[in-house]
Amino acid sequence: MSDAEPILHMITPLKHTSPFDVNMAVDAGFHIISSNVDVQLKDVAPLTQDAMFSRSPDAAKRTVLFIGGKDASLALDQMKAAASALFPPFEISIFADPAGSFTTAAAMIALVEKGLRGKREGGLEGAKVQVYGATGVVGGIAAVIAAQAGADVTIVSHRVIEDVEVKAVDFKKRFGVKLNCAVAANDEEKKALVPEAEVILTAAAAGVEVISTDVLKAATNLLVAADINAVPPAGVAGVGANDDGIALPHGVGIGALVIGQVKYQVQHQILKRIRHSDTALHIGFAEAFELARQLSA
């Protein structure tokens, strides 16, 4: 292993670097962190090459590019642009986790899988999953992970179907997954939709109740509901932030802080793994999900 000091370069298209991610990096052992804000897609390759060419090949492997922001698709494009700029022996590690969405979505789906054990043979394979708040950064990636795990996923808009259709087309091109689309703007429309759901995921804005008690009563096939909203009221009625398997009218509920605890462990372990690795690693939501599964076993 090289004795070069690990350096973490954070890039974001936003005006500010996330203090959350900085704190996570420091707690994982990084002492040298640079912040690069307002980074556009065209800027990524030059920044990557600046980071890799400024050190010897051995030291380059102790150099890390962290991709943040709040747009999952843009982060994936930036990750691809950074990876395309690399070539042996000048290679650096890349970790994308915009707004913590990759690690949060990974934790969410891993805990849903755990919650399905003993309730549904085959776990997520073939399971009917409905994602509310799917246009957000976490909901969209959670839908992709669930679909890649074999689930029959429907992403639900609370406004117009075009909002989720754009996501479905983008993710079909990127990952080859098929996502069904639906609209449910009010409780009556949700009550017509949820009887098919075996899994409900809510990833809407903080402090918004997405699934009410009346809607839950209509979800007669529900096995697991998971919510990432830690700000009252909860996204799913009756599911507190610290609840892990609380009984609902049908099925059980998993709360935001339970998901958040696994998310924290995933991000922390990934940062530590990258910091100590003697080879360049490229980590996105697939790798985060694999680790979340291990931590949730």
Protein backbone atom coordinates (compact mmCIF):
# COMPACT_ATOMS: atom_id res chain seq x y z
CA MET A 1 0.00 0.00 0.00
CA SER A 2 1.23 3.49 -0.88
CA ASP A 3 2.15 5.70 2.08
CA ALA A 4 0.75 8.77 0.29
CA GLU A 5 -1.85 10.71 2.24
CA PRO A 6 -5.42 10.02 1.02
CA ILE A 7 -7.02 13.09 -0.57
CA LEU A 8 -10.76 13.46 -1.09
CA HIS A 9 -11.93 15.88 -3.80
CA MET A 10 -15.62 16.67 -3.45
CA ILE A 11 -17.44 17.99 -6.53
CA THR A 12 -20.99 19.28 -6.72
CA PRO A 13 -23.04 21.23 -9.27
CA LEU A 14 -24.54 23.18 -6.36
CA LYS A 15 -23.29 26.39 -4.75
CA HIS A 16 -22.27 24.60 -1.57
CA THR A 17 -20.66 21.30 -0.61
CA SER A 18 -22.81 19.20 1.70
CA PRO A 19 -21.68 19.56 5.35
CA PHE A 20 -23.17 16.09 5.92
CA ASP A 21 -20.77 14.54 3.41
CA VAL A 22 -17.81 16.50 4.78
CA ASN A 23 -18.57 15.26 8.30
CA MET A 24 -18.92 11.70 7.04
CA ALA A 25 -15.57 11.90 5.24
CA VAL A 26 -13.77 13.26 8.31
CA ASP A 27 -15.30 10.57 10.54
CA ALA A 28 -14.11 7.96 8.04
CA GLY A 29 -10.55 9.20 8.45
CA PHE A 30 -9.99 11.68 5.62
CA HIS A 31 -7.86 14.61 6.78
CA ILE A 32 -7.44 16.37 3.44
CA ILE A 33 -10.67 17.35 1.69
CA SER A 34 -11.09 19.80 -1.17
CA SER A 35 -14.40 21.37 -2.16
CA ASN A 36 -15.27 22.09 -5.79
CA VAL A 37 -18.66 23.78 -6.30
CA ASP A 38 -20.68 24.81 -9.39
CA VAL A 39 -19.09 21.90 -11.27
CA GLN A 40 -20.81 21.28 -14.59
CA LEU A 41 -20.59 18.08 -16.61
CA LYS A 42 -18.01 19.55 -18.98
CA ASP A 43 -15.77 20.37 -16.01
CA VAL A 44 -15.56 16.83 -14.65
CA ALA A 45 -12.96 15.30 -16.99
CA PRO A 46 -10.42 18.16 -16.58
CA LEU A 47 -10.84 18.10 -12.79
CA THR A 48 -10.39 14.33 -12.75
CA GLN A 49 -7.21 14.53 -14.78
CA ASP A 50 -5.87 17.34 -12.59
CA ALA A 51 -6.35 15.04 -9.61
CA MET A 52 -4.76 11.98 -11.20
CA PHE A 53 -1.80 13.53 -13.03
CA SER A 54 -0.60 15.53 -10.03
CA ARG A 55 0.50 12.39 -8.17
CA SER A 56 2.53 9.29 -8.97
CA PRO A 57 0.53 6.25 -10.16
CA ASP A 58 0.75 4.68 -6.69
CA ALA A 59 -0.40 7.90 -5.03
CA ALA A 60 -3.14 8.38 -7.61
CA LYS A 61 -4.83 5.33 -6.12
CA ARG A 62 -4.96 7.19 -2.81
CA THR A 63 -6.92 9.98 -4.49
CA VAL A 64 -10.72 9.99 -4.34
CA LEU A 65 -13.38 11.90 -6.28
CA PHE A 66 -16.70 12.22 -4.43
CA ILE A 67 -19.67 13.28 -6.58
CA GLY A 68 -22.49 15.04 -4.77
CA GLY A 69 -25.34 17.36 -5.71
CA LYS A 70 -29.08 16.64 -5.72
CA ASP A 71 -29.60 15.17 -9.19
CA ALA A 72 -29.09 11.42 -9.52
CA SER A 73 -28.98 11.41 -13.32
CA LEU A 74 -26.44 14.22 -13.42
CA ALA A 75 -24.31 12.47 -10.79
CA LEU A 76 -24.35 9.29 -12.89
CA ASP A 77 -23.31 11.31 -15.95
CA GLN A 78 -20.52 12.96 -13.97
CA MET A 79 -19.37 9.59 -12.67
CA LYS A 80 -19.23 8.28 -16.25
CA ALA A 81 -17.33 11.36 -17.41
CA ALA A 82 -14.79 10.96 -14.59
CA ALA A 83 -14.31 7.25 -15.29
CA SER A 84 -13.84 7.95 -19.01
CA ALA A 85 -11.00 10.35 -18.21
CA LEU A 86 -8.99 7.67 -16.42
CA PHE A 87 -6.47 5.24 -17.86
CA PRO A 88 -3.78 2.98 -16.35
CA PRO A 89 -1.64 3.52 -14.40
CA PHE A 90 -3.17 6.89 -13.44
CA GLU A 91 -6.43 5.83 -11.82
CA ILE A 92 -8.34 7.32 -8.91
CA SER A 93 -11.35 6.16 -6.91
CA ILE A 94 -14.82 7.54 -7.65
CA PHE A 95 -17.78 7.51 -5.28
CA ALA A 96 -21.14 9.02 -6.27
CA ASP A 97 -23.81 9.68 -3.64
CA PRO A 98 -25.83 12.81 -4.57
CA ALA A 99 -27.74 14.11 -1.53
CA GLY A 100 -27.02 10.74 0.07
CA SER A 101 -29.57 9.24 -2.30
CA PHE A 102 -27.60 6.21 -3.45
CA THR A 103 -26.80 5.02 0.07
CA THR A 104 -30.29 5.91 1.36
CA ALA A 105 -32.07 4.09 -1.47
CA ALA A 106 -29.74 1.12 -1.00
CA ALA A 107 -30.55 0.97 2.72
CA MET A 108 -34.27 1.33 2.07
CA ILE A 109 -34.46 -1.58 -0.37
CA ALA A 110 -32.17 -3.78 1.72
CA LEU A 111 -34.44 -3.31 4.74
CA VAL A 112 -37.54 -4.00 2.63
CA GLU A 113 -35.93 -7.26 1.51
CA LYS A 114 -35.29 -8.10 5.14
CA GLY A 115 -38.89 -7.21 6.03
CA LEU A 116 -40.21 -9.55 3.33
CA ARG A 117 -38.42 -12.59 4.75
CA GLY A 118 -40.94 -15.13 5.91
CA LYS A 119 -43.76 -13.09 4.36
CA ARG A 120 -43.14 -13.62 0.66
CA GLU A 121 -41.30 -16.45 -1.03
CA GLY A 122 -38.70 -15.04 -3.41
CA GLY A 123 -38.41 -11.70 -1.64
CA LEU A 124 -38.56 -8.83 -4.11
CA GLU A 125 -38.58 -11.11 -7.15
CA GLY A 126 -41.93 -10.41 -8.83
CA ALA A 127 -43.18 -8.29 -5.91
CA LYS A 128 -45.58 -5.44 -6.70
CA VAL A 129 -43.80 -2.29 -5.53
CA GLN A 130 -45.22 1.23 -5.61
CA VAL A 131 -42.91 4.22 -5.15
CA TYR A 132 -44.37 7.56 -4.06
CA GLY A 133 -42.09 10.58 -4.42
CA ALA A 134 -40.35 8.81 -7.30
CA THR A 135 -39.43 12.07 -9.03
CA GLY A 136 -37.14 12.85 -6.11
CA VAL A 137 -33.50 11.88 -5.89
CA VAL A 138 -34.03 8.95 -3.48
CA GLY A 139 -37.32 7.60 -4.82
CA GLY A 140 -36.09 7.23 -8.39
CA ILE A 141 -32.98 5.28 -7.42
CA ALA A 142 -34.95 3.14 -4.97
CA ALA A 143 -37.26 2.23 -7.86
CA VAL A 144 -34.29 1.24 -10.03
CA ILE A 145 -32.70 -0.90 -7.29
CA ALA A 146 -36.01 -2.66 -6.62
CA ALA A 147 -36.53 -3.29 -10.34
CA GLN A 148 -33.00 -4.65 -10.70
CA ALA A 149 -33.79 -7.00 -7.80
CA GLY A 150 -36.69 -8.39 -9.83
CA ALA A 151 -39.62 -6.36 -8.52
CA ASP A 152 -42.56 -5.16 -10.64
CA VAL A 153 -42.22 -1.44 -9.90
CA THR A 154 -44.71 1.38 -10.39
CA ILE A 155 -43.53 4.95 -9.89
CA VAL A 156 -46.34 7.26 -8.83
CA SER A 157 -46.70 10.98 -9.48
CA HIS A 158 -48.92 13.22 -7.37
CA ARG A 159 -49.29 15.70 -10.24
CA VAL A 160 -49.17 14.48 -13.86
CA ILE A 161 -48.00 11.20 -15.35
CA GLU A 162 -45.43 12.94 -17.56
CA ASP A 163 -43.34 13.65 -14.43
CA VAL A 164 -42.71 9.96 -13.85
CA GLU A 165 -42.69 8.96 -17.51
CA VAL A 166 -39.58 11.09 -18.00
CA LYS A 167 -37.89 9.17 -15.19
CA ALA A 168 -39.02 5.81 -16.56
CA VAL A 169 -37.62 6.58 -20.02
CA ASP A 170 -34.31 7.82 -18.60
CA PHE A 171 -33.81 4.79 -16.35
CA LYS A 172 -34.86 2.37 -19.11
CA LYS A 173 -32.08 3.82 -21.28
CA ARG A 174 -29.53 3.81 -18.48
CA PHE A 175 -30.23 0.48 -16.78
CA GLY A 176 -32.62 -1.49 -18.99
CA VAL A 177 -35.28 -1.62 -16.27
CA LYS A 178 -38.99 -1.28 -16.95
CA LEU A 179 -40.85 1.02 -14.59
CA ASN A 180 -44.63 1.33 -14.74
CA CYS A 181 -46.10 4.81 -14.28
CA ALA A 182 -49.22 6.03 -12.50
CA VAL A 183 -50.81 9.18 -11.07
CA ALA A 184 -52.48 9.47 -7.66
CA ALA A 185 -53.16 13.08 -6.73
CA ASN A 186 -55.47 12.44 -3.77
CA ASP A 187 -56.55 9.76 -1.32
CA GLU A 188 -59.33 8.45 -3.53
CA GLU A 189 -56.91 7.84 -6.39
CA LYS A 190 -54.39 6.28 -4.02
CA LYS A 191 -57.07 3.97 -2.57
CA ALA A 192 -57.76 2.75 -6.09
CA LEU A 193 -54.05 2.07 -6.67
CA VAL A 194 -52.72 0.57 -3.43
CA PRO A 195 -54.72 -2.71 -3.33
CA GLU A 196 -52.20 -4.12 -5.81
CA ALA A 197 -49.15 -3.11 -3.74
CA GLU A 198 -47.16 -5.62 -1.74
CA VAL A 199 -44.50 -2.99 -0.99
CA ILE A 200 -45.01 0.76 -0.65
CA LEU A 201 -42.04 3.14 -0.61
CA THR A 202 -42.52 6.80 0.27
CA ALA A 203 -39.76 9.25 -0.57
CA ALA A 204 -41.64 12.52 -0.81
CA ALA A 205 -40.75 15.93 0.62
CA ALA A 206 -40.15 16.15 4.37
CA GLY A 207 -43.21 16.64 6.52
CA VAL A 208 -45.73 15.38 3.95
CA GLU A 209 -48.08 12.50 4.76
CA VAL A 210 -48.27 10.55 1.51
CA ILE A 211 -50.13 7.45 2.67
CA SER A 212 -52.96 8.15 5.12
CA THR A 213 -54.64 5.68 7.46
CA ASP A 214 -57.58 5.37 5.04
CA VAL A 215 -55.23 4.59 2.16
CA LEU A 216 -53.39 2.00 4.27
CA LYS A 217 -56.66 0.23 5.02
CA ALA A 218 -57.21 -0.12 1.28
CA ALA A 219 -53.76 -1.69 0.80
CA THR A 220 -55.05 -5.19 1.49
CA ASN A 221 -52.06 -6.99 -0.04
CA LEU A 222 -49.42 -4.83 1.66
CA LEU A 223 -46.52 -6.65 3.29
CA VAL A 224 -43.97 -3.85 3.92
CA ALA A 225 -44.11 -0.05 3.81
CA ALA A 226 -40.92 2.01 4.14
CA ASP A 227 -40.67 5.77 4.62
CA ILE A 228 -37.61 8.05 4.49
CA ASN A 229 -39.32 11.13 5.99
CA ALA A 230 -38.04 11.84 9.51
CA VAL A 231 -39.93 15.15 9.82
CA PRO A 232 -43.46 14.87 11.29
CA PRO A 233 -45.93 13.97 9.98
CA ALA A 234 -44.52 10.71 8.68
CA GLY A 235 -44.88 9.83 5.02
CA VAL A 236 -46.84 6.70 6.01
CA ALA A 237 -49.46 7.14 8.72
CA GLY A 238 -48.58 5.26 11.89
CA VAL A 239 -44.93 4.70 11.01
CA GLY A 240 -42.63 6.55 13.38
CA ALA A 241 -39.06 7.41 12.46
CA ASN A 242 -37.69 4.76 14.84
CA ASP A 243 -40.16 2.02 13.94
CA ASP A 244 -38.73 -1.22 12.60
CA GLY A 245 -41.51 -3.60 11.63
CA ILE A 246 -44.40 -1.84 13.34
CA ALA A 247 -47.77 -3.43 12.61
CA LEU A 248 -50.00 -1.56 10.15
CA PRO A 249 -53.60 -2.31 9.14
CA HIS A 250 -51.94 -4.59 6.58
CA GLY A 251 -48.25 -5.48 6.70
CA VAL A 252 -45.51 -3.74 8.66
CA GLY A 253 -43.77 -0.36 8.52
CA ILE A 254 -40.12 0.73 8.55
CA GLY A 255 -39.28 4.27 9.65
CA ALA A 256 -36.83 6.88 8.42
CA LEU A 257 -34.24 6.69 11.19
CA VAL A 258 -34.05 2.90 10.90
CA ILE A 259 -33.27 3.37 7.21
CA GLY A 260 -30.96 6.26 8.08
CA GLN A 261 -28.93 4.14 10.47
CA VAL A 262 -28.16 1.60 7.74
CA LYS A 263 -27.53 4.43 5.25
CA TYR A 264 -24.99 5.96 7.64
CA GLN A 265 -23.21 2.63 8.09
CA VAL A 266 -23.10 2.08 4.32
CA GLN A 267 -21.63 5.49 3.55
CA HIS A 268 -19.16 5.26 6.42
CA GLN A 269 -17.96 1.79 5.43
CA ILE A 270 -17.60 2.80 1.77
CA LEU A 271 -15.54 5.87 2.65
CA LYS A 272 -13.31 3.79 4.93
CA ARG A 273 -12.94 1.10 2.28
CA ILE A 274 -11.91 3.67 -0.33
CA ARG A 275 -9.52 5.41 2.04
CA HIS A 276 -7.65 2.18 2.80
CA SER A 277 -7.84 0.60 -0.64
CA ASP A 278 -4.65 0.12 -2.62
CA THR A 279 -6.64 -0.10 -5.84
CA ALA A 280 -8.93 2.43 -7.47
CA LEU A 281 -12.61 1.75 -6.70
CA HIS A 282 -15.69 3.00 -8.53
CA ILE A 283 -18.76 2.97 -6.31
CA GLY A 284 -22.34 3.86 -7.18
CA PHE A 285 -25.71 2.64 -5.94
CA ALA A 286 -25.20 -0.99 -7.00
CA GLU A 287 -22.15 -1.34 -4.76
CA ALA A 288 -23.95 0.55 -1.98
CA PHE A 289 -26.88 -1.87 -2.22
CA GLU A 290 -24.61 -4.90 -2.02
CA LEU A 291 -23.10 -3.52 1.20
CA ALA A 292 -26.52 -2.55 2.61
CA ARG A 293 -27.68 -6.12 2.07
CA GLN A 294 -24.70 -7.41 4.02
CA LEU A 295 -25.27 -4.96 6.87
CA SER A 296 -29.00 -5.79 7.02
CA ALA A 297 -28.58 -9.55 6.94
